[in-house]
C-alpha atoms as a PDB file:
ATOM      1  CA  MET A   1      12.149  55.089 -31.233  1.00  0.00           C
ATOM      2  CA  THR A   2      14.275  52.134 -29.900  1.00  0.00           C
ATOM      3  CA  SER A   3      12.630  49.776 -32.032  1.00  0.00           C
ATOM      4  CA  MET A   4      14.967  51.199 -34.903  1.00  0.00           C
ATOM      5  CA  THR A   5      18.733  51.872 -33.403  1.00  0.00           C
ATOM      6  CA  ASP A   6      19.546  48.246 -35.305  1.00  0.00           C
ATOM      7  CA  THR A   7      19.513  49.955 -38.218  1.00  0.00           C
ATOM      8  CA  ALA A   8      22.520  52.248 -37.643  1.00  0.00           C
ATOM      9  CA  PRO A   9      26.006  50.832 -38.573  1.00  0.00           C
ATOM     10  CA  GLU A  10      27.760  48.177 -36.324  1.00  0.00           C
ATOM     11  CA  PRO A  11      28.561  48.733 -33.375  1.00  0.00           C
ATOM     12  CA  VAL A  12      24.639  49.391 -32.637  1.00  0.00           C
ATOM     13  CA  ALA A  13      23.249  51.906 -29.756  1.00  0.00           C
ATOM     14  CA  ALA A  14      24.736  51.052 -26.347  1.00  0.00           C
ATOM     15  CA  GLU A  15      22.645  50.743 -23.351  1.00  0.00           C
ATOM     16  CA  THR A  16      23.066  53.560 -21.296  1.00  0.00           C
ATOM     17  CA  ALA A  17      21.968  54.390 -17.905  1.00  0.00           C
ATOM     18  CA  PRO A  18      21.502  57.479 -16.086  1.00  0.00           C
ATOM     19  CA  ALA A  19      24.233  58.672 -14.439  1.00  0.00           C
ATOM     20  CA  ALA A  20      23.048  58.856 -11.159  1.00  0.00           C
ATOM     21  CA  GLU A  21      22.658  55.282 -10.982  1.00  0.00           C
ATOM     22  CA  HIS A  22      26.444  55.010 -11.211  1.00  0.00           C
ATOM     23  CA  ALA A  23      27.268  57.636  -8.426  1.00  0.00           C
ATOM     24  CA  ASP A  24      26.520  55.780  -5.286  1.00  0.00           C
ATOM     25  CA  LYS A  25      27.026  58.117  -2.320  1.00  0.00           C
ATOM     26  CA  PRO A  26      29.687  56.779   0.747  1.00  0.00           C
ATOM     27  CA  LYS A  27      28.440  56.170   3.826  1.00  0.00           C
ATOM     28  CA  ARG A  28      29.927  58.511   6.674  1.00  0.00           C
ATOM     29  CA  LYS A  29      31.760  56.461   8.912  1.00  0.00           C
ATOM     30  CA  GLY A  30      30.949  57.241  12.681  1.00  0.00           C
ATOM     31  CA  GLY A  31      33.478  58.334  14.969  1.00  0.00           C
ATOM     32  CA  GLY A  32      35.875  60.096  12.955  1.00  0.00           C
ATOM     33  CA  ARG A  33      37.363  63.511  12.755  1.00  0.00           C
ATOM     34  CA  ALA A  34      35.049  66.272  10.916  1.00  0.00           C
ATOM     35  CA  ARG A  35      36.225  66.932   7.699  1.00  0.00           C
ATOM     36  CA  GLN A  36      38.302  70.792   6.913  1.00  0.00           C
ATOM     37  CA  ASN A  37      36.798  71.749   3.833  1.00  0.00           C
ATOM     38  CA  PRO A  38      32.800  72.593   3.656  1.00  0.00           C
ATOM     39  CA  PRO A  39      30.199  70.162   3.136  1.00  0.00           C
ATOM     40  CA  ARG A  40      29.463  71.242  -0.407  1.00  0.00           C
ATOM     41  CA  HIS A  41      32.703  70.382  -1.475  1.00  0.00           C
ATOM     42  CA  ALA A  42      33.565  67.454   0.462  1.00  0.00           C
ATOM     43  CA  ASP A  43      31.327  65.016  -1.351  1.00  0.00           C
ATOM     44  CA  LYS A  44      32.118  65.305  -4.701  1.00  0.00           C
ATOM     45  CA  SER A  45      30.262  62.054  -6.142  1.00  0.00           C
ATOM     46  CA  ASP A  46      26.783  64.367  -4.603  1.00  0.00           C
ATOM     47  CA  ALA A  47      28.208  66.470  -7.316  1.00  0.00           C
ATOM     48  CA  ARG A  48      28.631  64.430 -10.199  1.00  0.00           C
ATOM     49  CA  ALA A  49      24.818  62.667  -9.234  1.00  0.00           C
ATOM     50  CA  ASN A  50      23.044  65.868  -9.897  1.00  0.00           C
ATOM     51  CA  THR A  51      24.947  66.258 -12.968  1.00  0.00           C
ATOM     52  CA  PRO A  52      24.926  64.964 -16.429  1.00  0.00           C
ATOM     53  CA  GLN A  53      27.752  62.437 -16.862  1.00  0.00           C
ATOM     54  CA  PRO A  54      29.483  61.893 -20.463  1.00  0.00           C
ATOM     55  CA  GLN A  55      27.835  58.683 -21.692  1.00  0.00           C
ATOM     56  CA  ARG A  56      28.661  56.459 -24.658  1.00  0.00           C
ATOM     57  CA  LYS A  57      27.101  58.185 -27.563  1.00  0.00           C
ATOM     58  CA  ALA A  58      24.092  56.365 -28.904  1.00  0.00           C
ATOM     59  CA  GLY A  59      23.708  54.913 -32.648  1.00  0.00           C
ATOM     60  CA  LYS A  60      21.644  57.953 -34.264  1.00  0.00           C
ATOM     61  CA  VAL A  61      18.885  56.339 -36.964  1.00  0.00           C
ATOM     62  CA  HIS A  62      18.723  57.659 -40.096  1.00  0.00           C
ATOM     63  CA  PRO A  63      15.446  59.880 -40.567  1.00  0.00           C
ATOM     64  CA  VAL A  64      14.650  58.041 -43.771  1.00  0.00           C
ATOM     65  CA  LEU A  65      14.633  54.911 -41.520  1.00  0.00           C
ATOM     66  CA  GLU A  66      12.759  56.224 -38.814  1.00  0.00           C
ATOM     67  CA  LYS A  67      10.047  57.433 -42.011  1.00  0.00           C
ATOM     68  CA  LEU A  68      10.291  53.907 -43.326  1.00  0.00           C
ATOM     69  CA  PHE A  69       9.055  52.416 -39.685  1.00  0.00           C
ATOM     70  CA  GLU A  70       5.662  54.804 -39.988  1.00  0.00           C
ATOM     71  CA  LEU A  71       4.959  53.731 -43.469  1.00  0.00           C
ATOM     72  CA  TYR A  72       5.978  50.016 -43.186  1.00  0.00           C
ATOM     73  CA  PRO A  73       6.232  48.650 -39.337  1.00  0.00           C
ATOM     74  CA  LYS A  74       5.695  45.196 -40.362  1.00  0.00           C
ATOM     75  CA  MET A  75       9.383  45.638 -41.862  1.00  0.00           C
ATOM     76  CA  PHE A  76      10.780  48.169 -40.151  1.00  0.00           C
ATOM     77  CA  GLY A  77       9.779  47.760 -36.674  1.00  0.00           C
ATOM     78  CA  ALA A  78      10.568  45.437 -34.460  1.00  0.00           C
ATOM     79  CA  ARG A  79      11.532  42.510 -36.165  1.00  0.00           C
ATOM     80  CA  PHE A  80      13.666  42.695 -39.482  1.00  0.00           C
ATOM     81  CA  LEU A  81      12.743  40.333 -42.262  1.00  0.00           C
ATOM     82  CA  PRO A  82      14.693  39.972 -45.555  1.00  0.00           C
ATOM     83  CA  LEU A  83      13.009  42.552 -47.834  1.00  0.00           C
ATOM     84  CA  LYS A  84      12.273  41.905 -51.704  1.00  0.00           C
ATOM     85  CA  LEU A  85      14.309  42.375 -54.489  1.00  0.00           C
ATOM     86  CA  GLY A  86      13.850  45.703 -56.369  1.00  0.00           C
ATOM     87  CA  VAL A  87      11.956  47.557 -52.975  1.00  0.00           C
ATOM     88  CA  TYR A  88      14.364  50.686 -53.488  1.00  0.00           C
ATOM     89  CA  GLN A  89      13.151  51.354 -56.994  1.00  0.00           C
ATOM     90  CA  GLU A  90       9.139  50.598 -55.481  1.00  0.00           C
ATOM     91  CA  LEU A  91       9.885  52.543 -52.453  1.00  0.00           C
ATOM     92  CA  LEU A  92      11.065  55.934 -54.956  1.00  0.00           C
ATOM     93  CA  GLU A  93       8.003  54.885 -57.384  1.00  0.00           C
ATOM     94  CA  LEU A  94       5.250  54.423 -54.423  1.00  0.00           C
ATOM     95  CA  HIS A  95       6.980  57.992 -52.357  1.00  0.00           C
ATOM     96  CA  PRO A  96       8.191  60.162 -54.913  1.00  0.00           C
ATOM     97  CA  ASP A  97       8.072  62.951 -52.365  1.00  0.00           C
ATOM     98  CA  ASP A  98       9.164  61.390 -48.835  1.00  0.00           C
ATOM     99  CA  PHE A  99      12.125  60.183 -50.421  1.00  0.00           C
ATOM    100  CA  LYS A 100      15.752  61.366 -52.219  1.00  0.00           C
ATOM    101  CA  ARG A 101      17.010  58.914 -53.961  1.00  0.00           C
ATOM    102  CA  GLU A 102      20.610  59.007 -52.615  1.00  0.00           C
ATOM    103  CA  ASP A 103      19.271  59.370 -49.006  1.00  0.00           C
ATOM    104  CA  LEU A 104      17.176  56.157 -49.588  1.00  0.00           C
ATOM    105  CA  LYS A 105      20.166  54.178 -50.640  1.00  0.00           C
ATOM    106  CA  VAL A 106      22.000  55.281 -47.480  1.00  0.00           C
ATOM    107  CA  ALA A 107      19.215  54.397 -45.448  1.00  0.00           C
ATOM    108  CA  LEU A 108      18.501  50.900 -46.894  1.00  0.00           C
ATOM    109  CA  GLY A 109      22.467  49.861 -47.264  1.00  0.00           C
ATOM    110  CA  LEU A 110      22.522  51.130 -43.553  1.00  0.00           C
ATOM    111  CA  HIS A 111      19.323  48.585 -42.602  1.00  0.00           C
ATOM    112  CA  ALA A 112      20.759  45.578 -44.646  1.00  0.00           C
ATOM    113  CA  ARG A 113      23.577  45.684 -42.962  1.00  0.00           C
ATOM    114  CA  SER A 114      22.168  45.516 -39.678  1.00  0.00           C
ATOM    115  CA  THR A 115      22.728  42.837 -37.532  1.00  0.00           C
ATOM    116  CA  ARG A 116      19.436  42.308 -36.739  1.00  0.00           C
ATOM    117  CA  TYR A 117      18.701  42.187 -40.955  1.00  0.00           C
ATOM    118  CA  LEU A 118      21.805  40.060 -41.148  1.00  0.00           C
ATOM    119  CA  GLU A 119      20.215  37.570 -38.703  1.00  0.00           C
ATOM    120  CA  ALA A 120      16.833  37.591 -40.067  1.00  0.00           C
ATOM    121  CA  VAL A 121      19.248  36.346 -43.732  1.00  0.00           C
ATOM    122  CA  ALA A 122      21.504  34.111 -41.887  1.00  0.00           C
ATOM    123  CA  ALA A 123      18.663  32.181 -40.807  1.00  0.00           C
ATOM    124  CA  GLY A 124      16.969  31.178 -43.957  1.00  0.00           C
ATOM    125  CA  GLU A 125      13.861  33.414 -43.648  1.00  0.00           C
ATOM    126  CA  GLN A 126      12.125  34.516 -47.010  1.00  0.00           C
ATOM    127  CA  ARG A 127      12.287  37.450 -48.909  1.00  0.00           C
ATOM    128  CA  HIS A 128       9.089  39.681 -48.285  1.00  0.00           C
ATOM    129  CA  ASP A 129       7.415  42.578 -49.572  1.00  0.00           C
ATOM    130  CA  LEU A 130       6.525  46.314 -47.880  1.00  0.00           C
ATOM    131  CA  ASN A 131       3.419  44.785 -46.410  1.00  0.00           C
ATOM    132  CA  GLY A 132       5.180  41.475 -44.712  1.00  0.00           C
ATOM    133  CA  VAL A 133       4.039  38.981 -47.380  1.00  0.00           C
ATOM    134  CA  PRO A 134       6.937  36.322 -47.998  1.00  0.00           C
ATOM    135  CA  VAL A 135       7.562  36.363 -51.847  1.00  0.00           C
ATOM    136  CA  GLU A 136      10.487  34.259 -52.965  1.00  0.00           C
ATOM    137  CA  PRO A 137      13.719  32.878 -51.072  1.00  0.00           C
ATOM    138  CA  VAL A 138      17.174  34.239 -50.267  1.00  0.00           C
ATOM    139  CA  ALA A 139      19.625  33.605 -53.029  1.00  0.00           C
ATOM    140  CA  PRO A 140      21.845  30.527 -51.119  1.00  0.00           C
ATOM    141  CA  GLU A 141      25.009  33.226 -51.665  1.00  0.00           C
ATOM    142  CA  HIS A 142      23.355  35.619 -49.754  1.00  0.00           C
ATOM    143  CA  VAL A 143      22.199  33.625 -47.050  1.00  0.00           C
ATOM    144  CA  HIS A 144      25.942  31.986 -47.139  1.00  0.00           C
ATOM    145  CA  HIS A 145      27.773  35.049 -46.902  1.00  0.00           C
ATOM    146  CA  ALA A 146      25.044  36.998 -44.035  1.00  0.00           C
ATOM    147  CA  ILE A 147      25.968  33.678 -41.522  1.00  0.00           C
ATOM    148  CA  LEU A 148      30.097  34.528 -42.370  1.00  0.00           C
ATOM    149  CA  GLU A 149      29.263  37.958 -41.321  1.00  0.00           C
ATOM    150  CA  MET A 150      27.561  37.487 -38.722  1.00  0.00           C
ATOM    151  CA  PHE A 151      30.248  34.757 -37.545  1.00  0.00           C
ATOM    152  CA  ARG A 152      32.872  37.760 -37.694  1.00  0.00           C
ATOM    153  CA  ARG A 153      31.158  40.072 -36.070  1.00  0.00           C
ATOM    154  CA  ARG A 154      30.667  37.734 -32.657  1.00  0.00           C
ATOM    155  CA  GLN A 155      34.061  36.203 -32.698  1.00  0.00           C
ATOM    156  CA  ALA A 156      35.763  39.686 -32.393  1.00  0.00           C
ATOM    157  CA  ARG A 157      33.586  40.161 -29.172  1.00  0.00           C
ATOM    158  CA  THR A 158      34.491  36.838 -27.679  1.00  0.00           C
ATOM    159  CA  PRO A 159      37.940  34.689 -27.079  1.00  0.00           C
ATOM    160  CA  GLU A 160      35.235  31.712 -27.597  1.00  0.00           C
ATOM    161  CA  ASP A 161      36.079  29.629 -30.568  1.00  0.00           C
ATOM    162  CA  LEU A 162      32.952  30.159 -32.714  1.00  0.00           C
ATOM    163  CA  ARG A 163      33.973  28.287 -35.722  1.00  0.00           C
ATOM    164  CA  PRO A 164      32.022  24.808 -34.233  1.00  0.00           C
ATOM    165  CA  ARG A 165      29.013  26.769 -34.530  1.00  0.00           C
ATOM    166  CA  LEU A 166      29.657  28.341 -37.781  1.00  0.00           C
ATOM    167  CA  ARG A 167      30.286  24.922 -39.478  1.00  0.00           C
ATOM    168  CA  GLU A 168      26.385  23.683 -37.965  1.00  0.00           C
ATOM    169  CA  GLN A 169      25.007  26.915 -39.571  1.00  0.00           C
ATOM    170  CA  LEU A 170      26.744  25.985 -43.115  1.00  0.00           C
ATOM    171  CA  ILE A 171      25.708  22.284 -43.234  1.00  0.00           C
ATOM    172  CA  LYS A 172      22.363  23.472 -42.830  1.00  0.00           C
ATOM    173  CA  ALA A 173      22.424  26.619 -45.462  1.00  0.00           C
ATOM    174  CA  ILE A 174      24.101  23.898 -47.473  1.00  0.00           C
ATOM    175  CA  GLU A 175      21.300  21.350 -47.006  1.00  0.00           C
ATOM    176  CA  ALA A 176      18.601  23.759 -47.240  1.00  0.00           C
ATOM    177  CA  SER A 177      19.844  25.004 -50.654  1.00  0.00           C
ATOM    178  CA  GLY A 178      19.755  21.748 -52.570  1.00  0.00           C
ATOM    179  CA  LEU A 179      23.000  22.353 -54.178  1.00  0.00           C
ATOM    180  CA  ALA A 180      25.807  19.736 -55.027  1.00  0.00           C
ATOM    181  CA  ARG A 181      28.795  20.609 -53.588  1.00  0.00           C
ATOM    182  CA  GLU A 182      30.627  22.042 -56.375  1.00  0.00           C
ATOM    183  CA  ASP A 183      27.782  24.077 -57.797  1.00  0.00           C
ATOM    184  CA  TYR A 184      27.221  25.514 -53.909  1.00  0.00           C
ATOM    185  CA  MET A 185      31.250  26.146 -53.761  1.00  0.00           C
ATOM    186  CA  LEU A 186      31.058  27.976 -57.129  1.00  0.00           C
ATOM    187  CA  ILE A 187      28.971  30.554 -55.886  1.00  0.00           C
ATOM    188  CA  VAL A 188      29.971  31.280 -52.143  1.00  0.00           C
ATOM    189  CA  ARG A 189      34.019  30.698 -52.376  1.00  0.00           C
ATOM    190  CA  THR A 190      35.942  33.174 -51.052  1.00  0.00           C
ATOM    191  CA  GLN A 191      39.689  34.277 -50.409  1.00  0.00           C
ATOM    192  CA  ASP A 192      38.682  34.406 -46.394  1.00  0.00           C
ATOM    193  CA  GLU A 193      41.105  30.949 -45.612  1.00  0.00           C
ATOM    194  CA  VAL A 194      39.486  30.641 -42.103  1.00  0.00           C
ATOM    195  CA  ALA A 195      35.564  30.750 -43.895  1.00  0.00           C
ATOM    196  CA  ASN A 196      36.644  28.238 -46.936  1.00  0.00           C
ATOM    197  CA  ALA A 197      38.681  26.019 -43.870  1.00  0.00           C
ATOM    198  CA  VAL A 198      35.464  25.987 -42.025  1.00  0.00           C
ATOM    199  CA  LEU A 199      33.607  25.600 -45.190  1.00  0.00           C
ATOM    200  CA  ASP A 200      35.310  22.438 -46.241  1.00  0.00           C
ATOM    201  CA  GLU A 201      34.783  20.562 -42.525  1.00  0.00           C
ATOM    202  CA  ALA A 202      31.141  21.354 -42.980  1.00  0.00           C
ATOM    203  CA  PHE A 203      31.315  19.521 -46.105  1.00  0.00           C
ATOM    204  CA  ALA A 204      33.194  16.476 -45.031  1.00  0.00           C
ATOM    205  CA  GLU A 205      30.561  16.606 -41.807  1.00  0.00           C
ATOM    206  CA  LEU A 206      27.581  16.551 -44.181  1.00  0.00           C
ATOM    207  CA  GLY A 207      29.158  14.099 -45.885  1.00  0.00           C
ATOM    208  CA  ALA A 208      29.872  11.762 -42.978  1.00  0.00           C
ATOM    209  CA  ARG A 209      25.864  12.571 -41.698  1.00  0.00           C
ATOM    210  CA  THR A 210      24.114  12.089 -45.195  1.00  0.00           C
ATOM    211  CA  ALA A 211      26.212   8.299 -45.182  1.00  0.00           C
ATOM    212  CA  LYS A 212      25.359   7.124 -42.113  1.00  0.00           C
ATOM    213  CA  ARG A 213      21.439   8.368 -43.251  1.00  0.00           C
ATOM    214  CA  GLU A 214      21.622   5.902 -46.371  1.00  0.00           C
ATOM    215  CA  ALA A 215      22.959   3.059 -44.203  1.00  0.00           C
ATOM    216  CA  LEU A 216      19.718   3.697 -41.803  1.00  0.00           C
ATOM    217  CA  LEU A 217      17.806   3.463 -44.615  1.00  0.00           C
ATOM    218  CA  ARG A 218      18.925   0.537 -46.541  1.00  0.00           C
ATOM    219  CA  ALA A 219      19.307  -1.662 -43.590  1.00  0.00           C
ATOM    220  CA  PHE A 220      15.423  -0.374 -42.711  1.00  0.00           C
ATOM    221  CA  GLU A 221      14.044  -1.343 -46.114  1.00  0.00           C
ATOM    222  CA  ALA A 222      15.795  -4.306 -46.014  1.00  0.00           C
ATOM    223  CA  SER A 223      14.371  -5.437 -42.236  1.00  0.00           C
ATOM    224  CA  GLY A 224      10.718  -5.701 -43.585  1.00  0.00           C
ATOM    225  CA  ARG A 225       9.645  -3.937 -40.586  1.00  0.00           C
ATOM    226  CA  THR A 226       8.023  -1.000 -39.491  1.00  0.00           C
ATOM    227  CA  VAL A 227       9.270   2.440 -38.358  1.00  0.00           C
ATOM    228  CA  ALA A 228       8.455   1.394 -34.581  1.00  0.00           C
ATOM    229  CA  GLU A 229       9.280  -1.671 -35.094  1.00  0.00           C
ATOM    230  CA  PHE A 230      13.102  -1.126 -36.729  1.00  0.00           C
ATOM    231  CA  ALA A 231      13.668   1.544 -33.812  1.00  0.00           C
ATOM    232  CA  GLU A 232      12.400  -0.487 -31.234  1.00  0.00           C
ATOM    233  CA  MET A 233      14.978  -3.342 -32.113  1.00  0.00           C
ATOM    234  CA  TYR A 234      18.025  -0.906 -32.483  1.00  0.00           C
ATOM    235  CA  GLY A 235      17.238   0.693 -29.579  1.00  0.00           C
ATOM    236  CA  MET A 236      16.271   4.326 -31.218  1.00  0.00           C
ATOM    237  CA  ASP A 237      13.728   6.618 -30.815  1.00  0.00           C
ATOM    238  CA  PRO A 238      10.765   5.981 -33.577  1.00  0.00           C
ATOM    239  CA  ALA A 239      10.719   9.774 -34.019  1.00  0.00           C
ATOM    240  CA  GLU A 240      13.824  10.294 -34.834  1.00  0.00           C
ATOM    241  CA  VAL A 241      14.621   7.145 -36.663  1.00  0.00           C
ATOM    242  CA  GLY A 242      11.477   8.616 -38.968  1.00  0.00           C
ATOM    243  CA  ARG A 243      13.095  12.095 -39.616  1.00  0.00           C
ATOM    244  CA  THR A 244      16.187  10.775 -40.428  1.00  0.00           C
ATOM    245  CA  LEU A 245      14.795   8.375 -43.295  1.00  0.00           C
ATOM    246  CA  GLU A 246      12.557  11.143 -44.634  1.00  0.00           C
ATOM    247  CA  ARG A 247      16.199  12.914 -44.919  1.00  0.00           C
ATOM    248  CA  ALA A 248      17.772  10.280 -46.282  1.00  0.00           C
ATOM    249  CA  ARG A 249      14.800   9.621 -49.100  1.00  0.00           C
ATOM    250  CA  PRO A 250      15.433  12.451 -51.384  1.00  0.00           C
ATOM    251  CA  ARG A 251      18.793  11.501 -51.743  1.00  0.00           C
ATOM    252  CA  ALA A 252      18.474   7.871 -52.699  1.00  0.00           C
ATOM    253  CA  GLN A 253      15.451   8.788 -54.542  1.00  0.00           C
ATOM    254  CA  GLY A 254      17.737  11.095 -56.954  1.00  0.00           C
END
């Protein structure tokens, strides 16, 4: 099933095309001398076109993942979502005759390391039960490490510096966590110097943005104007001013 190929470990199954699509037949040039070799040997590309060509080996889907897709298409189908904690034991209890403990453990490990699964975790999606119902948030440290893993995989494939994008993702994750800097750093700090440096940059940028929001909030409260009037006075977008004020108020009240 093509919907399950992303559960294979990196790299995910490669896209392949039929060999015939790559075996373009050479055109004959008019007026040239006839070839000395027999026609059946002269055009070797024709023979290649009719002969299966070696292709990059596609990732084979683990049979347990195929079974999980049949049982729970909402969680193991086209869209991957973070699984709730304890799902391994729950699957063993629900399907004692379908899964062996070690096979299930390996399959879930492949699933959790797949690119699509890590993307869902990095995006801050909630954990879901086997029926696709959200049940709890993913811990901030798990979101953080998923973001770092996706950065490493993507950076390895491109010469472009992806650290600015990583910094923005970390800023969103930090804000979503609701943790103070010290608490966040305590649970996510690693030995990766590059990741730690970008994390420091993210906190510095977040601090600067927070200071600007709080300054805007103080100016707004001192103005005695409505949001629309305040935005017009400074030539700003009212909707953006409203969003910025909403983000600044919880911090000011805390």
